[in-house]
PDB file of N, CA and C in Angstrom:
ATOM      1  N   MET A   1      33.825 -23.334   7.019  1.00  0.00           N
ATOM      2  CA  MET A   1      32.778 -23.441   8.324  1.00  0.00           C
ATOM      3  C   MET A   1      31.699 -24.756   8.581  1.00  0.00           C
ATOM      4  N   SER A   2      31.877 -24.619  10.443  1.00  0.00           N
ATOM      5  CA  SER A   2      31.326 -25.628  10.631  1.00  0.00           C
ATOM      6  C   SER A   2      29.981 -25.077  10.664  1.00  0.00           C
ATOM      7  N   GLN A   3      28.549 -26.291  10.279  1.00  0.00           N
ATOM      8  CA  GLN A   3      27.498 -25.829  10.450  1.00  0.00           C
ATOM      9  C   GLN A   3      26.610 -25.295  12.065  1.00  0.00           C
ATOM     10  N   LYS A   4      27.745 -25.245  13.147  1.00  0.00           N
ATOM     11  CA  LYS A   4      26.722 -24.948  13.748  1.00  0.00           C
ATOM     12  C   LYS A   4      27.351 -23.144  13.544  1.00  0.00           C
ATOM     13  N   SER A   5      29.156 -22.656  13.470  1.00  0.00           N
ATOM     14  CA  SER A   5      28.893 -21.261  13.634  1.00  0.00           C
ATOM     15  C   SER A   5      28.011 -20.107  11.899  1.00  0.00           C
ATOM     16  N   ASP A   6      27.779 -21.139  11.220  1.00  0.00           N
ATOM     17  CA  ASP A   6      27.123 -21.161  10.283  1.00  0.00           C
ATOM     18  C   ASP A   6      25.597 -20.335  10.660  1.00  0.00           C
ATOM     19  N   GLY A   7      24.947 -21.246  12.378  1.00  0.00           N
ATOM     20  CA  GLY A   7      23.786 -20.700  12.495  1.00  0.00           C
ATOM     21  C   GLY A   7      23.759 -19.610  13.141  1.00  0.00           C
ATOM     22  N   THR A   8      24.357 -19.660  13.490  1.00  0.00           N
ATOM     23  CA  THR A   8      25.399 -18.505  15.209  1.00  0.00           C
ATOM     24  C   THR A   8      25.418 -17.242  13.999  1.00  0.00           C
ATOM     25  N   SER A   9      25.395 -17.636  12.650  1.00  0.00           N
ATOM     26  CA  SER A   9      25.740 -16.252  12.141  1.00  0.00           C
ATOM     27  C   SER A   9      24.414 -15.956  11.609  1.00  0.00           C
ATOM     28  N   GLN A  10      23.726 -17.002  11.252  1.00  0.00           N
ATOM     29  CA  GLN A  10      22.768 -16.543  10.678  1.00  0.00           C
ATOM     30  C   GLN A  10      21.973 -16.088  11.671  1.00  0.00           C
ATOM     31  N   GLY A  11      21.887 -16.754  13.068  1.00  0.00           N
ATOM     32  CA  GLY A  11      21.394 -16.311  13.765  1.00  0.00           C
ATOM     33  C   GLY A  11      21.799 -14.657  14.262  1.00  0.00           C
ATOM     34  N   LEU A  12      22.794 -13.790  15.002  1.00  0.00           N
ATOM     35  CA  LEU A  12      23.239 -13.331  14.625  1.00  0.00           C
ATOM     36  C   LEU A  12      22.978 -12.016  13.499  1.00  0.00           C
ATOM     37  N   GLN A  13      22.403 -12.579  12.259  1.00  0.00           N
ATOM     38  CA  GLN A  13      21.906 -11.397  11.058  1.00  0.00           C
ATOM     39  C   GLN A  13      20.121 -10.990  11.797  1.00  0.00           C
ATOM     40  N   VAL A  14      20.004 -12.398  12.193  1.00  0.00           N
ATOM     41  CA  VAL A  14      18.829 -11.680  11.850  1.00  0.00           C
ATOM     42  C   VAL A  14      18.485 -11.116  13.471  1.00  0.00           C
ATOM     43  N   LEU A  15      19.120 -11.292  14.633  1.00  0.00           N
ATOM     44  CA  LEU A  15      18.770 -10.889  16.037  1.00  0.00           C
ATOM     45  C   LEU A  15      19.426  -8.803  15.140  1.00  0.00           C
ATOM     46  N   SER A  16      20.125  -8.448  13.971  1.00  0.00           N
ATOM     47  CA  SER A  16      20.680  -7.207  13.791  1.00  0.00           C
ATOM     48  C   SER A  16      20.091  -6.725  13.162  1.00  0.00           C
ATOM     49  N   TYR A  17      18.936  -7.747  12.529  1.00  0.00           N
ATOM     50  CA  TYR A  17      17.900  -6.559  11.560  1.00  0.00           C
ATOM     51  C   TYR A  17      16.601  -5.961  12.659  1.00  0.00           C
ATOM     52  N   LEU A  18      16.090  -6.998  13.223  1.00  0.00           N
ATOM     53  CA  LEU A  18      15.420  -6.577  14.332  1.00  0.00           C
ATOM     54  C   LEU A  18      15.837  -5.605  15.218  1.00  0.00           C
ATOM     55  N   ILE A  19      16.916  -5.435  15.606  1.00  0.00           N
ATOM     56  CA  ILE A  19      17.667  -4.262  16.426  1.00  0.00           C
ATOM     57  C   ILE A  19      17.364  -3.616  15.061  1.00  0.00           C
ATOM     58  N   ALA A  20      17.973  -3.320  14.861  1.00  0.00           N
ATOM     59  CA  ALA A  20      18.149  -1.843  13.502  1.00  0.00           C
ATOM     60  C   ALA A  20      17.066  -1.084  12.998  1.00  0.00           C
ATOM     61  N   GLY A  21      16.462  -2.187  12.951  1.00  0.00           N
ATOM     62  CA  GLY A  21      14.317  -2.070  12.588  1.00  0.00           C
ATOM     63  C   GLY A  21      14.119  -1.222  13.357  1.00  0.00           C
ATOM     64  N   VAL A  22      14.073  -1.853  14.703  1.00  0.00           N
ATOM     65  CA  VAL A  22      13.321  -0.944  15.411  1.00  0.00           C
ATOM     66  C   VAL A  22      14.044   0.640  15.740  1.00  0.00           C
ATOM     67  N   ALA A  23      15.879   0.310  16.160  1.00  0.00           N
ATOM     68  CA  ALA A  23      16.765   1.672  16.705  1.00  0.00           C
ATOM     69  C   ALA A  23      15.889   2.795  14.939  1.00  0.00           C
ATOM     70  N   VAL A  24      16.029   2.629  14.117  1.00  0.00           N
ATOM     71  CA  VAL A  24      16.938   3.453  13.569  1.00  0.00           C
ATOM     72  C   VAL A  24      14.880   4.056  12.847  1.00  0.00           C
ATOM     73  N   TYR A  25      13.609   3.064  12.857  1.00  0.00           N
ATOM     74  CA  TYR A  25      12.385   4.164  12.746  1.00  0.00           C
ATOM     75  C   TYR A  25      11.853   4.645  14.743  1.00  0.00           C
ATOM     76  N   GLY A  26      12.680   3.839  15.151  1.00  0.00           N
ATOM     77  CA  GLY A  26      12.525   4.558  16.286  1.00  0.00           C
ATOM     78  C   GLY A  26      12.896   6.015  16.722  1.00  0.00           C
ATOM     79  N   PHE A  27      13.916   5.591  16.324  1.00  0.00           N
ATOM     80  CA  PHE A  27      14.954   6.754  16.389  1.00  0.00           C
ATOM     81  C   PHE A  27      14.597   8.076  15.475  1.00  0.00           C
ATOM     82  N   LEU A  28      12.783   7.641  13.980  1.00  0.00           N
ATOM     83  CA  LEU A  28      13.357   8.319  12.707  1.00  0.00           C
ATOM     84  C   LEU A  28      11.725   9.411  13.675  1.00  0.00           C
ATOM     85  N   GLY A  29      10.745   8.425  14.522  1.00  0.00           N
ATOM     86  CA  GLY A  29       9.790   8.357  14.838  1.00  0.00           C
ATOM     87  C   GLY A  29       9.754   9.757  15.962  1.00  0.00           C
ATOM     88  N   TRP A  30      10.544   9.378  16.556  1.00  0.00           N
ATOM     89  CA  TRP A  30      11.570  10.221  18.057  1.00  0.00           C
ATOM     90  C   TRP A  30      11.847  11.749  17.258  1.00  0.00           C
ATOM     91  N   LEU A  31      12.602  11.690  16.632  1.00  0.00           N
ATOM     92  CA  LEU A  31      13.373  13.498  15.721  1.00  0.00           C
ATOM     93  C   LEU A  31      11.798  13.849  15.697  1.00  0.00           C
ATOM     94  N   GLY A  32      10.770  12.900  14.553  1.00  0.00           N
ATOM     95  CA  GLY A  32       9.599  13.876  14.288  1.00  0.00           C
ATOM     96  C   GLY A  32       8.904  14.126  15.730  1.00  0.00           C
ATOM     97  N   ASP A  33       8.574  13.455  16.079  1.00  0.00           N
ATOM     98  CA  ASP A  33       7.915  13.109  17.654  1.00  0.00           C
ATOM     99  C   ASP A  33       8.728  14.994  17.908  1.00  0.00           C
ATOM    100  N   HIS A  34       9.104  15.332  18.291  1.00  0.00           N
ATOM    101  CA  HIS A  34      10.784  15.897  18.928  1.00  0.00           C
ATOM    102  C   HIS A  34       9.950  16.850  18.272  1.00  0.00           C
ATOM    103  N   TYR A  35      10.236  17.359  16.528  1.00  0.00           N
ATOM    104  CA  TYR A  35      10.696  18.330  15.662  1.00  0.00           C
ATOM    105  C   TYR A  35       9.502  19.624  15.550  1.00  0.00           C
ATOM    106  N   LEU A  36       7.745  17.925  15.639  1.00  0.00           N
ATOM    107  CA  LEU A  36       7.163  18.668  15.459  1.00  0.00           C
ATOM    108  C   LEU A  36       5.762  18.597  16.510  1.00  0.00           C
ATOM    109  N   GLY A  37       6.204  18.206  17.498  1.00  0.00           N
ATOM    110  CA  GLY A  37       5.711  18.445  19.026  1.00  0.00           C
ATOM    111  C   GLY A  37       4.447  17.179  18.828  1.00  0.00           C
ATOM    112  N   THR A  38       5.043  16.313  18.975  1.00  0.00           N
ATOM    113  CA  THR A  38       4.033  14.851  18.837  1.00  0.00           C
ATOM    114  C   THR A  38       4.026  13.803  19.896  1.00  0.00           C
ATOM    115  N   SER A  39       3.512  12.976  19.836  1.00  0.00           N
ATOM    116  CA  SER A  39       3.393  12.533  20.140  1.00  0.00           C
ATOM    117  C   SER A  39       3.052  10.724  20.192  1.00  0.00           C
ATOM    118  N   PHE A  40       2.683  10.352  18.965  1.00  0.00           N
ATOM    119  CA  PHE A  40       2.469   9.447  18.907  1.00  0.00           C
ATOM    120  C   PHE A  40       3.407   8.351  17.536  1.00  0.00           C
ATOM    121  N   LEU A  41       4.722   9.539  16.828  1.00  0.00           N
ATOM    122  CA  LEU A  41       5.157   9.032  16.118  1.00  0.00           C
ATOM    123  C   LEU A  41       6.747   7.768  16.786  1.00  0.00           C
ATOM    124  N   LEU A  42       5.871   8.077  17.640  1.00  0.00           N
ATOM    125  CA  LEU A  42       7.996   6.994  18.469  1.00  0.00           C
ATOM    126  C   LEU A  42       7.514   5.602  18.239  1.00  0.00           C
ATOM    127  N   PRO A  43       6.103   5.138  19.323  1.00  0.00           N
ATOM    128  CA  PRO A  43       5.556   3.832  18.820  1.00  0.00           C
ATOM    129  C   PRO A  43       5.221   4.355  18.091  1.00  0.00           C
ATOM    130  N   ILE A  44       4.798   5.232  17.237  1.00  0.00           N
ATOM    131  CA  ILE A  44       4.570   3.991  15.281  1.00  0.00           C
ATOM    132  C   ILE A  44       6.021   3.653  14.532  1.00  0.00           C
ATOM    133  N   GLY A  45       7.048   4.156  15.114  1.00  0.00           N
ATOM    134  CA  GLY A  45       8.489   4.333  13.685  1.00  0.00           C
ATOM    135  C   GLY A  45       8.905   2.462  15.031  1.00  0.00           C
ATOM    136  N   ILE A  46       8.594   2.039  16.348  1.00  0.00           N
ATOM    137  CA  ILE A  46       9.066   1.345  16.566  1.00  0.00           C
ATOM    138  C   ILE A  46       8.685   0.043  15.854  1.00  0.00           C
ATOM    139  N   VAL A  47       7.150  -0.175  16.315  1.00  0.00           N
ATOM    140  CA  VAL A  47       5.958  -0.668  15.533  1.00  0.00           C
ATOM    141  C   VAL A  47       6.730  -1.590  14.012  1.00  0.00           C
ATOM    142  N   LEU A  48       6.779  -0.184  13.512  1.00  0.00           N
ATOM    143  CA  LEU A  48       7.296  -0.343  11.605  1.00  0.00           C
ATOM    144  C   LEU A  48       8.289  -1.468  11.131  1.00  0.00           C
ATOM    145  N   GLY A  49       9.982  -0.998  12.747  1.00  0.00           N
ATOM    146  CA  GLY A  49      10.802  -1.000  12.652  1.00  0.00           C
ATOM    147  C   GLY A  49      10.587  -2.588  12.734  1.00  0.00           C
ATOM    148  N   ALA A  50      10.089  -2.402  13.319  1.00  0.00           N
ATOM    149  CA  ALA A  50      10.054  -4.720  14.130  1.00  0.00           C
ATOM    150  C   ALA A  50       9.460  -4.499  12.704  1.00  0.00           C
ATOM    151  N   ALA A  51       8.087  -3.905  12.644  1.00  0.00           N
ATOM    152  CA  ALA A  51       7.305  -5.166  11.481  1.00  0.00           C
ATOM    153  C   ALA A  51       8.620  -5.216   9.778  1.00  0.00           C
ATOM    154  N   GLY A  52       9.302  -4.276   9.618  1.00  0.00           N
ATOM    155  CA  GLY A  52      10.289  -4.772   8.669  1.00  0.00           C
ATOM    156  C   GLY A  52      11.634  -5.255   8.957  1.00  0.00           C
ATOM    157  N   GLY A  53      12.311  -4.827   9.449  1.00  0.00           N
ATOM    158  CA  GLY A  53      13.012  -6.857  10.050  1.00  0.00           C
ATOM    159  C   GLY A  53      12.571  -7.851   9.982  1.00  0.00           C
ATOM    160  N   VAL A  54      11.441  -7.653  10.678  1.00  0.00           N
ATOM    161  CA  VAL A  54      10.276  -8.997  10.323  1.00  0.00           C
ATOM    162  C   VAL A  54      10.553  -9.656   8.993  1.00  0.00           C
ATOM    163  N   TYR A  55      10.410  -8.758   8.036  1.00  0.00           N
ATOM    164  CA  TYR A  55       9.415  -8.629   6.445  1.00  0.00           C
ATOM    165  C   TYR A  55      11.186  -8.666   6.270  1.00  0.00           C
ATOM    166  N   LEU A  56      11.911  -8.230   6.219  1.00  0.00           N
ATOM    167  CA  LEU A  56      13.427  -9.083   6.408  1.00  0.00           C
ATOM    168  C   LEU A  56      14.059  -9.915   6.099  1.00  0.00           C
ATOM    169  N   ILE A  57      14.197 -10.237   7.518  1.00  0.00           N
ATOM    170  CA  ILE A  57      13.954 -11.590   7.522  1.00  0.00           C
ATOM    171  C   ILE A  57      12.940 -13.132   7.586  1.00  0.00           C
ATOM    172  N   ILE A  58      11.948 -12.677   6.859  1.00  0.00           N
ATOM    173  CA  ILE A  58      11.759 -13.240   5.878  1.00  0.00           C
ATOM    174  C   ILE A  58      12.285 -13.505   5.167  1.00  0.00           C
ATOM    175  N   ARG A  59      11.969 -12.651   4.066  1.00  0.00           N
ATOM    176  CA  ARG A  59      12.707 -12.496   2.461  1.00  0.00           C
ATOM    177  C   ARG A  59      14.141 -12.962   2.205  1.00  0.00           C
ATOM    178  N   ARG A  60      14.906 -12.574   3.532  1.00  0.00           N
ATOM    179  CA  ARG A  60      15.799 -12.599   3.063  1.00  0.00           C
ATOM    180  C   ARG A  60      16.108 -14.647   4.316  1.00  0.00           C
ATOM    181  N   PHE A  61      15.554 -15.076   4.927  1.00  0.00           N
ATOM    182  CA  PHE A  61      16.152 -16.546   5.553  1.00  0.00           C
ATOM    183  C   PHE A  61      14.732 -17.329   4.889  1.00  0.00           C
ATOM    184  N   GLY A  62      13.783 -16.900   5.193  1.00  0.00           N
ATOM    185  CA  GLY A  62      12.054 -18.138   5.179  1.00  0.00           C
ATOM    186  C   GLY A  62      12.361 -18.711   3.801  1.00  0.00           C
ATOM    187  N   ARG A  63      13.055 -19.113   3.527  1.00  0.00           N
ATOM    188  CA  ARG A  63      13.032 -20.319   2.122  1.00  0.00           C
ATOM    189  C   ARG A  63      13.794 -21.606   2.699  1.00  0.00           C
ATOM    190  N   ALA A  64      13.660 -22.017   2.317  1.00  0.00           N
ATOM    191  CA  ALA A  64      14.641 -23.807   2.874  1.00  0.00           C
ATOM    192  C   ALA A  64      15.311 -23.788   1.779  1.00  0.00           C
ATOM    193  N   PRO A  65      16.356 -25.232   2.263  1.00  0.00           N
ATOM    194  CA  PRO A  65      17.426 -24.710   1.596  1.00  0.00           C
ATOM    195  C   PRO A  65      16.536 -26.274   0.376  1.00  0.00           C
ATOM    196  N   GLU A  66      17.146 -26.403  -0.877  1.00  0.00           N
ATOM    197  CA  GLU A  66      16.574 -27.447  -1.739  1.00  0.00           C
ATOM    198  C   GLU A  66      17.190 -28.236  -1.089  1.00  0.00           C
ATOM    199  N   PRO A  67      16.091 -29.346  -1.669  1.00  0.00           N
ATOM    200  CA  PRO A  67      15.919 -30.910  -1.039  1.00  0.00           C
ATOM    201  C   PRO A  67      17.707 -31.240  -1.955  1.00  0.00           C
ATOM    202  N   ASN A  68      18.660 -32.411  -2.377  1.00  0.00           N
ATOM    203  CA  ASN A  68      19.655 -32.856  -2.765  1.00  0.00           C
ATOM    204  C   ASN A  68      18.848 -34.005  -3.763  1.00  0.00           C
ATOM    205  N   ARG A  69      18.936 -33.466  -4.889  1.00  0.00           N
ATOM    206  CA  ARG A  69      17.787 -34.811  -5.937  1.00  0.00           C
ATOM    207  C   ARG A  69      19.044 -35.534  -6.335  1.00  0.00           C
ATOM    208  N   ASP A  70      18.654 -37.074  -6.567  1.00  0.00           N
ATOM    209  CA  ASP A  70      19.422 -38.257  -7.123  1.00  0.00           C
ATOM    210  C   ASP A  70      19.601 -38.493  -7.769  1.00  0.00           C
ATOM    211  N   ASP A  71      19.260 -38.809  -9.027  1.00  0.00           N
ATOM    212  CA  ASP A  71      18.367 -38.603 -10.245  1.00  0.00           C
ATOM    213  C   ASP A  71      18.708 -40.634 -10.992  1.00  0.00           C
ATOM    214  N   THR A  72      20.066 -40.800 -10.507  1.00  0.00           N
ATOM    215  CA  THR A  72      20.780 -41.367 -10.329  1.00  0.00           C
ATOM    216  C   THR A  72      20.769 -42.894  -9.916  1.00  0.00           C
ATOM    217  N   ARG A  73      19.652 -43.225  -9.954  1.00  0.00           N
ATOM    218  CA  ARG A  73      19.619 -44.046  -9.827  1.00  0.00           C
ATOM    219  C   ARG A  73      19.009 -46.038 -10.406  1.00  0.00           C
TER     220      ARG A  73
END
């Protein structure tokens, strides 16, 4: 796999984490608002979903690759 396609793959994974977090927790917030008759759970769900997505992105992609150390001088 080339370096360019590897970067594209990681970028799409990052984007999918963000979209999935907002969609899933936003839907759960909407569902809670619908059944409980409130109007504040949807925005809270969207914000929590975005924060959860960012957390997963940092956990998955936050580390820089280790440099290659050649100690055979």
